[in-house]
C-alpha atoms as a PDB file:
ATOM      1  CA  MET A   1    -136.745-152.891  81.694  1.00  0.00           C
ATOM      2  CA  SER A   2    -136.937-150.056  84.154  1.00  0.00           C
ATOM      3  CA  ASN A   3    -137.630-146.430  83.358  1.00  0.00           C
ATOM      4  CA  GLU A   4    -135.884-145.296  86.528  1.00  0.00           C
ATOM      5  CA  HIS A   5    -132.871-143.035  86.147  1.00  0.00           C
ATOM      6  CA  THR A   6    -129.944-142.937  88.520  1.00  0.00           C
ATOM      7  CA  GLU A   7    -129.381-139.809  90.613  1.00  0.00           C
ATOM      8  CA  GLN A   8    -126.414-138.873  88.396  1.00  0.00           C
ATOM      9  CA  GLU A   9    -128.544-139.113  85.254  1.00  0.00           C
ATOM     10  CA  LYS A  10    -131.277-137.006  86.872  1.00  0.00           C
ATOM     11  CA  GLU A  11    -128.709-134.375  87.870  1.00  0.00           C
ATOM     12  CA  ALA A  12    -127.231-134.328  84.349  1.00  0.00           C
ATOM     13  CA  MET A  13    -130.697-133.894  82.839  1.00  0.00           C
ATOM     14  CA  LYS A  14    -131.485-131.029  85.231  1.00  0.00           C
ATOM     15  CA  GLU A  15    -128.230-129.290  84.293  1.00  0.00           C
ATOM     16  CA  GLU A  16    -128.955-129.732  80.603  1.00  0.00           C
ATOM     17  CA  ASP A  17    -132.504-128.393  81.073  1.00  0.00           C
ATOM     18  CA  SER A  18    -131.208-125.342  82.905  1.00  0.00           C
ATOM     19  CA  LYS A  19    -128.644-124.731  80.157  1.00  0.00           C
ATOM     20  CA  LEU A  20    -131.374-124.894  77.525  1.00  0.00           C
ATOM     21  CA  ASP A  21    -133.595-122.612  79.604  1.00  0.00           C
ATOM     22  CA  SER A  22    -130.845-120.025  79.975  1.00  0.00           C
ATOM     23  CA  ILE A  23    -130.000-120.167  76.267  1.00  0.00           C
ATOM     24  CA  ALA A  24    -133.688-119.728  75.407  1.00  0.00           C
ATOM     25  CA  ALA A  25    -133.948-116.764  77.786  1.00  0.00           C
ATOM     26  CA  VAL A  26    -130.907-115.082  76.215  1.00  0.00           C
ATOM     27  CA  VAL A  27    -132.293-115.625  72.708  1.00  0.00           C
ATOM     28  CA  ILE A  28    -135.668-114.144  73.704  1.00  0.00           C
ATOM     29  CA  ILE A  29    -134.046-111.130  75.388  1.00  0.00           C
ATOM     30  CA  LEU A  30    -131.784-110.480  72.396  1.00  0.00           C
ATOM     31  CA  SER A  31    -134.748-110.777  70.017  1.00  0.00           C
ATOM     32  CA  LEU A  32    -136.771-108.284  72.050  1.00  0.00           C
ATOM     33  CA  LEU A  33    -133.793-105.945  72.237  1.00  0.00           C
ATOM     34  CA  ALA A  34    -133.248-106.149  68.478  1.00  0.00           C
ATOM     35  CA  MET A  35    -136.945-105.440  67.839  1.00  0.00           C
ATOM     36  CA  ALA A  36    -136.837-102.454  70.199  1.00  0.00           C
ATOM     37  CA  VAL A  37    -133.732-101.022  68.493  1.00  0.00           C
ATOM     38  CA  PHE A  38    -135.272-101.563  65.057  1.00  0.00           C
ATOM     39  CA  TRP A  39    -138.561 -99.968  66.145  1.00  0.00           C
ATOM     40  CA  VAL A  40    -136.838 -96.950  67.698  1.00  0.00           C
ATOM     41  CA  SER A  41    -134.569 -96.467  64.684  1.00  0.00           C
ATOM     42  CA  ASN A  42    -137.624 -96.284  62.421  1.00  0.00           C
ATOM     43  CA  GLN A  43    -139.297 -93.574  64.471  1.00  0.00           C
END
């Protein structure tokens, strides 16, 4: 059995990785924004 992936599979995996990366970035930004709003509102 070969562990090689076809070019299409590689491309699909890259797209999925970039989707996950962008979702993670949005979640992190929203979390930081929520913490900033919460912190400011308590001042």
